[in-house]
Amino acid sequence: MKTNNQIKDFDCVQMKNEIQAKIYAETKDMSFEELRAYLDRQLQQDAFWQRITRQQRVKN
Protein backbone atom coordinates (compact mmCIF):
# COMPACT_ATOMS: atom_id res chain seq x y z
CA MET A 1 0.00 0.00 0.00
CA LYS A 2 1.32 3.39 -0.98
CA THR A 3 1.19 6.28 1.48
CA ASN A 4 0.55 9.85 0.51
CA ASN A 5 2.64 12.37 2.45
CA GLN A 6 1.15 15.52 0.96
CA ILE A 7 0.41 18.49 3.17
CA LYS A 8 -3.32 19.15 3.28
CA ASP A 9 -4.72 22.57 2.44
CA PHE A 10 -7.94 21.64 4.21
CA ASP A 11 -8.57 19.16 7.01
CA CYS A 12 -12.29 18.49 7.48
CA VAL A 13 -11.82 16.62 10.77
CA GLN A 14 -9.85 19.50 12.23
CA MET A 15 -12.51 21.96 11.01
CA LYS A 16 -15.29 19.85 12.59
CA ASN A 17 -13.41 19.73 15.89
CA GLU A 18 -12.86 23.50 15.89
CA ILE A 19 -16.51 24.22 15.14
CA GLN A 20 -17.64 21.71 17.77
CA ALA A 21 -15.35 23.31 20.39
CA LYS A 22 -16.67 26.78 19.50
CA ILE A 23 -20.29 25.68 19.84
CA TYR A 24 -19.55 23.95 23.13
CA ALA A 25 -17.83 27.07 24.51
CA GLU A 26 -20.81 29.22 23.48
CA THR A 27 -23.46 26.88 24.90
CA LYS A 28 -21.93 25.05 27.87
CA ASP A 29 -23.55 27.22 30.56
CA MET A 30 -26.92 27.72 28.86
CA SER A 31 -30.23 26.56 30.23
CA PHE A 32 -32.47 24.47 27.99
CA GLU A 33 -34.47 27.54 27.00
CA GLU A 34 -31.32 29.52 26.17
CA LEU A 35 -29.96 26.61 24.15
CA ARG A 36 -33.19 26.32 22.21
CA ALA A 37 -33.16 30.06 21.43
CA TYR A 38 -29.50 29.79 20.38
CA LEU A 39 -30.28 26.92 18.00
CA ASP A 40 -33.28 28.79 16.57
CA ARG A 41 -31.05 31.83 15.87
CA GLN A 42 -28.42 29.65 14.24
CA LEU A 43 -31.00 28.00 12.00
CA GLN A 44 -32.44 31.35 10.93
CA GLN A 45 -28.95 32.45 9.84
CA ASP A 46 -28.16 29.23 7.95
CA ALA A 47 -28.52 29.49 4.17
CA PHE A 48 -29.16 25.76 3.71
CA TRP A 49 -31.93 25.76 6.33
CA GLN A 50 -33.53 28.82 4.75
CA ARG A 51 -33.54 27.09 1.38
CA ILE A 52 -35.19 23.96 2.81
CA THR A 53 -37.90 25.88 4.64
CA ARG A 54 -38.54 28.07 1.58
CA GLN A 55 -39.05 24.95 -0.54
CA GLN A 56 -41.47 23.53 2.03
CA ARG A 57 -43.51 26.75 2.00
CA VAL A 58 -43.75 26.63 -1.80
CA LYS A 59 -44.99 23.02 -1.72
CA ASN A 60 -47.71 23.82 0.82
PDB file of N, CA and C in Angstrom:
ATOM      1  N   MET A   1       0.846  -1.176   0.000  1.00  0.00           N
ATOM      2  CA  MET A   1       0.000   0.000   0.000  1.00  0.00           C
ATOM      3  C   MET A   1       0.889   1.237   0.000  1.00  0.00           C
ATOM      4  N   LYS A   2       0.542   2.171  -0.837  1.00  0.00           N
ATOM      5  CA  LYS A   2       1.316   3.395  -0.982  1.00  0.00           C
ATOM      6  C   LYS A   2       0.763   4.477  -0.066  1.00  0.00           C
ATOM      7  N   THR A   3       1.647   5.193   0.619  1.00  0.00           N
ATOM      8  CA  THR A   3       1.190   6.285   1.480  1.00  0.00           C
ATOM      9  C   THR A   3       1.369   7.607   0.761  1.00  0.00           C
ATOM     10  N   ASN A   4       0.515   8.541   1.123  1.00  0.00           N
ATOM     11  CA  ASN A   4       0.551   9.851   0.506  1.00  0.00           C
ATOM     12  C   ASN A   4       0.960  10.858   1.584  1.00  0.00           C
ATOM     13  N   ASN A   5       2.112  11.463   1.439  1.00  0.00           N
ATOM     14  CA  ASN A   5       2.641  12.370   2.450  1.00  0.00           C
ATOM     15  C   ASN A   5       2.462  13.835   2.072  1.00  0.00           C
ATOM     16  N   GLN A   6       1.401  14.141   1.348  1.00  0.00           N
ATOM     17  CA  GLN A   6       1.150  15.516   0.963  1.00  0.00           C
ATOM     18  C   GLN A   6       0.619  16.318   2.154  1.00  0.00           C
ATOM     19  N   ILE A   7       0.942  17.598   2.162  1.00  0.00           N
ATOM     20  CA  ILE A   7       0.413  18.493   3.175  1.00  0.00           C
ATOM     21  C   ILE A   7      -0.979  18.936   2.728  1.00  0.00           C
ATOM     22  N   LYS A   8      -1.942  18.802   3.622  1.00  0.00           N
ATOM     23  CA  LYS A   8      -3.322  19.146   3.283  1.00  0.00           C
ATOM     24  C   LYS A   8      -3.538  20.647   3.364  1.00  0.00           C
ATOM     25  N   ASP A   9      -4.289  21.178   2.382  1.00  0.00           N
ATOM     26  CA  ASP A   9      -4.724  22.571   2.438  1.00  0.00           C
ATOM     27  C   ASP A   9      -5.940  22.703   3.348  1.00  0.00           C
ATOM     28  N   PHE A  10      -6.689  21.607   3.452  1.00  0.00           N
ATOM     29  CA  PHE A  10      -7.941  21.639   4.205  1.00  0.00           C
ATOM     30  C   PHE A  10      -8.098  20.308   4.928  1.00  0.00           C
ATOM     31  N   ASP A  11      -8.372  20.364   6.213  1.00  0.00           N
ATOM     32  CA  ASP A  11      -8.569  19.159   7.014  1.00  0.00           C
ATOM     33  C   ASP A  11      -9.979  19.215   7.601  1.00  0.00           C
ATOM     34  N   CYS A  12     -10.883  18.408   7.058  1.00  0.00           N
ATOM     35  CA  CYS A  12     -12.285  18.488   7.476  1.00  0.00           C
ATOM     36  C   CYS A  12     -12.475  18.031   8.922  1.00  0.00           C
ATOM     37  N   VAL A  13     -11.691  17.071   9.385  1.00  0.00           N
ATOM     38  CA  VAL A  13     -11.819  16.616  10.769  1.00  0.00           C
ATOM     39  C   VAL A  13     -11.384  17.720  11.725  1.00  0.00           C
ATOM     40  N   GLN A  14     -10.306  18.390  11.397  1.00  0.00           N
ATOM     41  CA  GLN A  14      -9.846  19.504  12.228  1.00  0.00           C
ATOM     42  C   GLN A  14     -10.895  20.622  12.249  1.00  0.00           C
ATOM     43  N   MET A  15     -11.485  20.917  11.086  1.00  0.00           N
ATOM     44  CA  MET A  15     -12.511  21.958  11.012  1.00  0.00           C
ATOM     45  C   MET A  15     -13.723  21.582  11.870  1.00  0.00           C
ATOM     46  N   LYS A  16     -14.159  20.320  11.780  1.00  0.00           N
ATOM     47  CA  LYS A  16     -15.287  19.854  12.585  1.00  0.00           C
ATOM     48  C   LYS A  16     -14.987  20.004  14.066  1.00  0.00           C
ATOM     49  N   ASN A  17     -13.790  19.627  14.481  1.00  0.00           N
ATOM     50  CA  ASN A  17     -13.410  19.728  15.887  1.00  0.00           C
ATOM     51  C   ASN A  17     -13.383  21.177  16.364  1.00  0.00           C
ATOM     52  N   GLU A  18     -12.901  22.083  15.528  1.00  0.00           N
ATOM     53  CA  GLU A  18     -12.855  23.504  15.886  1.00  0.00           C
ATOM     54  C   GLU A  18     -14.268  24.077  16.023  1.00  0.00           C
ATOM     55  N   ILE A  19     -15.137  23.740  15.090  1.00  0.00           N
ATOM     56  CA  ILE A  19     -16.515  24.220  15.141  1.00  0.00           C
ATOM     57  C   ILE A  19     -17.226  23.649  16.364  1.00  0.00           C
ATOM     58  N   GLN A  20     -17.014  22.359  16.617  1.00  0.00           N
ATOM     59  CA  GLN A  20     -17.637  21.711  17.770  1.00  0.00           C
ATOM     60  C   GLN A  20     -17.174  22.353  19.080  1.00  0.00           C
ATOM     61  N   ALA A  21     -15.887  22.659  19.183  1.00  0.00           N
ATOM     62  CA  ALA A  21     -15.351  23.306  20.387  1.00  0.00           C
ATOM     63  C   ALA A  21     -15.928  24.709  20.556  1.00  0.00           C
ATOM     64  N   LYS A  22     -16.090  25.431  19.448  1.00  0.00           N
ATOM     65  CA  LYS A  22     -16.667  26.781  19.497  1.00  0.00           C
ATOM     66  C   LYS A  22     -18.113  26.734  19.983  1.00  0.00           C
ATOM     67  N   ILE A  23     -18.890  25.808  19.433  1.00  0.00           N
ATOM     68  CA  ILE A  23     -20.290  25.684  19.837  1.00  0.00           C
ATOM     69  C   ILE A  23     -20.377  25.284  21.304  1.00  0.00           C
ATOM     70  N   TYR A  24     -19.539  24.366  21.728  1.00  0.00           N
ATOM     71  CA  TYR A  24     -19.553  23.951  23.132  1.00  0.00           C
ATOM     72  C   TYR A  24     -19.235  25.132  24.046  1.00  0.00           C
ATOM     73  N   ALA A  25     -18.213  25.915  23.683  1.00  0.00           N
ATOM     74  CA  ALA A  25     -17.829  27.069  24.507  1.00  0.00           C
ATOM     75  C   ALA A  25     -18.971  28.085  24.593  1.00  0.00           C
ATOM     76  N   GLU A  26     -19.706  28.258  23.503  1.00  0.00           N
ATOM     77  CA  GLU A  26     -20.814  29.217  23.481  1.00  0.00           C
ATOM     78  C   GLU A  26     -22.038  28.728  24.254  1.00  0.00           C
ATOM     79  N   THR A  27     -22.212  27.416  24.362  1.00  0.00           N
ATOM     80  CA  THR A  27     -23.464  26.881  24.902  1.00  0.00           C
ATOM     81  C   THR A  27     -23.325  26.134  26.225  1.00  0.00           C
ATOM     82  N   LYS A  28     -22.127  25.944  26.723  1.00  0.00           N
ATOM     83  CA  LYS A  28     -21.933  25.050  27.871  1.00  0.00           C
ATOM     84  C   LYS A  28     -22.676  25.479  29.133  1.00  0.00           C
ATOM     85  N   ASP A  29     -22.879  26.757  29.348  1.00  0.00           N
ATOM     86  CA  ASP A  29     -23.551  27.225  30.564  1.00  0.00           C
ATOM     87  C   ASP A  29     -24.995  27.652  30.333  1.00  0.00           C
ATOM     88  N   MET A  30     -25.552  27.294  29.187  1.00  0.00           N
ATOM     89  CA  MET A  30     -26.915  27.717  28.857  1.00  0.00           C
ATOM     90  C   MET A  30     -27.949  26.775  29.458  1.00  0.00           C
ATOM     91  N   SER A  31     -29.075  27.360  29.832  1.00  0.00           N
ATOM     92  CA  SER A  31     -30.229  26.555  30.233  1.00  0.00           C
ATOM     93  C   SER A  31     -30.844  25.958  28.958  1.00  0.00           C
ATOM     94  N   PHE A  32     -31.808  25.066  29.145  1.00  0.00           N
ATOM     95  CA  PHE A  32     -32.475  24.472  27.992  1.00  0.00           C
ATOM     96  C   PHE A  32     -33.132  25.533  27.121  1.00  0.00           C
ATOM     97  N   GLU A  33     -33.792  26.487  27.751  1.00  0.00           N
ATOM     98  CA  GLU A  33     -34.471  27.543  27.003  1.00  0.00           C
ATOM     99  C   GLU A  33     -33.477  28.407  26.230  1.00  0.00           C
ATOM    100  N   GLU A  34     -32.354  28.727  26.851  1.00  0.00           N
ATOM    101  CA  GLU A  34     -31.324  29.523  26.172  1.00  0.00           C
ATOM    102  C   GLU A  34     -30.720  28.743  25.005  1.00  0.00           C
ATOM    103  N   LEU A  35     -30.506  27.453  25.209  1.00  0.00           N
ATOM    104  CA  LEU A  35     -29.958  26.610  24.146  1.00  0.00           C
ATOM    105  C   LEU A  35     -30.923  26.526  22.971  1.00  0.00           C
ATOM    106  N   ARG A  36     -32.192  26.376  23.276  1.00  0.00           N
ATOM    107  CA  ARG A  36     -33.193  26.317  22.212  1.00  0.00           C
ATOM    108  C   ARG A  36     -33.233  27.620  21.413  1.00  0.00           C
ATOM    109  N   ALA A  37     -33.165  28.758  22.104  1.00  0.00           N
ATOM    110  CA  ALA A  37     -33.155  30.058  21.433  1.00  0.00           C
ATOM    111  C   ALA A  37     -31.890  30.204  20.584  1.00  0.00           C
ATOM    112  N   TYR A  38     -30.769  29.746  21.114  1.00  0.00           N
ATOM    113  CA  TYR A  38     -29.496  29.787  20.378  1.00  0.00           C
ATOM    114  C   TYR A  38     -29.614  28.980  19.080  1.00  0.00           C
ATOM    115  N   LEU A  39     -30.142  27.764  19.189  1.00  0.00           N
ATOM    116  CA  LEU A  39     -30.283  26.916  18.000  1.00  0.00           C
ATOM    117  C   LEU A  39     -31.250  27.521  16.994  1.00  0.00           C
ATOM    118  N   ASP A  40     -32.333  28.115  17.477  1.00  0.00           N
ATOM    119  CA  ASP A  40     -33.281  28.787  16.572  1.00  0.00           C
ATOM    120  C   ASP A  40     -32.595  29.927  15.817  1.00  0.00           C
ATOM    121  N   ARG A  41     -31.784  30.715  16.526  1.00  0.00           N
ATOM    122  CA  ARG A  41     -31.054  31.827  15.871  1.00  0.00           C
ATOM    123  C   ARG A  41     -30.071  31.294  14.828  1.00  0.00           C
ATOM    124  N   GLN A  42     -29.388  30.216  15.176  1.00  0.00           N
ATOM    125  CA  GLN A  42     -28.419  29.650  14.237  1.00  0.00           C
ATOM    126  C   GLN A  42     -29.115  29.139  12.978  1.00  0.00           C
ATOM    127  N   LEU A  43     -30.249  28.492  13.160  1.00  0.00           N
ATOM    128  CA  LEU A  43     -30.997  27.995  11.999  1.00  0.00           C
ATOM    129  C   LEU A  43     -31.475  29.135  11.110  1.00  0.00           C
ATOM    130  N   GLN A  44     -31.953  30.214  11.708  1.00  0.00           N
ATOM    131  CA  GLN A  44     -32.436  31.348  10.927  1.00  0.00           C
ATOM    132  C   GLN A  44     -31.323  31.990  10.102  1.00  0.00           C
ATOM    133  N   GLN A  45     -30.091  31.862  10.538  1.00  0.00           N
ATOM    134  CA  GLN A  45     -28.953  32.449   9.837  1.00  0.00           C
ATOM    135  C   GLN A  45     -28.336  31.491   8.811  1.00  0.00           C
ATOM    136  N   ASP A  46     -28.765  30.241   8.802  1.00  0.00           N
ATOM    137  CA  ASP A  46     -28.164  29.225   7.953  1.00  0.00           C
ATOM    138  C   ASP A  46     -28.807  29.221   6.564  1.00  0.00           C
ATOM    139  N   ALA A  47     -28.008  29.410   5.541  1.00  0.00           N
ATOM    140  CA  ALA A  47     -28.525  29.489   4.171  1.00  0.00           C
ATOM    141  C   ALA A  47     -29.170  28.180   3.731  1.00  0.00           C
ATOM    142  N   PHE A  48     -28.589  27.058   4.095  1.00  0.00           N
ATOM    143  CA  PHE A  48     -29.159  25.761   3.708  1.00  0.00           C
ATOM    144  C   PHE A  48     -30.526  25.561   4.355  1.00  0.00           C
ATOM    145  N   TRP A  49     -30.651  25.891   5.627  1.00  0.00           N
ATOM    146  CA  TRP A  49     -31.931  25.759   6.334  1.00  0.00           C
ATOM    147  C   TRP A  49     -32.981  26.677   5.717  1.00  0.00           C
ATOM    148  N   GLN A  50     -32.593  27.891   5.369  1.00  0.00           N
ATOM    149  CA  GLN A  50     -33.530  28.824   4.746  1.00  0.00           C
ATOM    150  C   GLN A  50     -34.040  28.265   3.419  1.00  0.00           C
ATOM    151  N   ARG A  51     -33.159  27.657   2.667  1.00  0.00           N
ATOM    152  CA  ARG A  51     -33.541  27.087   1.383  1.00  0.00           C
ATOM    153  C   ARG A  51     -34.529  25.934   1.562  1.00  0.00           C
ATOM    154  N   ILE A  52     -34.277  25.084   2.554  1.00  0.00           N
ATOM    155  CA  ILE A  52     -35.186  23.959   2.815  1.00  0.00           C
ATOM    156  C   ILE A  52     -36.559  24.463   3.229  1.00  0.00           C
ATOM    157  N   THR A  53     -36.605  25.392   4.162  1.00  0.00           N
ATOM    158  CA  THR A  53     -37.902  25.884   4.641  1.00  0.00           C
ATOM    159  C   THR A  53     -38.640  26.657   3.551  1.00  0.00           C
ATOM    160  N   ARG A  54     -37.912  27.353   2.697  1.00  0.00           N
ATOM    161  CA  ARG A  54     -38.538  28.071   1.578  1.00  0.00           C
ATOM    162  C   ARG A  54     -39.180  27.066   0.625  1.00  0.00           C
ATOM    163  N   GLN A  55     -38.514  25.961   0.350  1.00  0.00           N
ATOM    164  CA  GLN A  55     -39.054  24.947  -0.537  1.00  0.00           C
ATOM    165  C   GLN A  55     -40.304  24.300   0.064  1.00  0.00           C
ATOM    166  N   GLN A  56     -40.298  24.116   1.374  1.00  0.00           N
ATOM    167  CA  GLN A  56     -41.470  23.529   2.027  1.00  0.00           C
ATOM    168  C   GLN A  56     -42.655  24.469   1.953  1.00  0.00           C
ATOM    169  N   ARG A  57     -42.415  25.772   2.093  1.00  0.00           N
ATOM    170  CA  ARG A  57     -43.512  26.751   2.001  1.00  0.00           C
ATOM    171  C   ARG A  57     -44.106  26.766   0.599  1.00  0.00           C
ATOM    172  N   VAL A  58     -43.269  26.621  -0.412  1.00  0.00           N
ATOM    173  CA  VAL A  58     -43.748  26.628  -1.798  1.00  0.00           C
ATOM    174  C   VAL A  58     -44.613  25.402  -2.076  1.00  0.00           C
ATOM    175  N   LYS A  59     -44.225  24.248  -1.521  1.00  0.00           N
ATOM    176  CA  LYS A  59     -44.987  23.017  -1.722  1.00  0.00           C
ATOM    177  C   LYS A  59     -46.348  23.074  -1.050  1.00  0.00           C
ATOM    178  N   ASN A  60     -46.435  23.769   0.071  1.00  0.00           N
ATOM    179  CA  ASN A  60     -47.710  23.822   0.819  1.00  0.00           C
ATOM    180  C   ASN A  60     -48.521  24.912   0.258  1.00  0.00           C
TER     181      ASN A  60
END
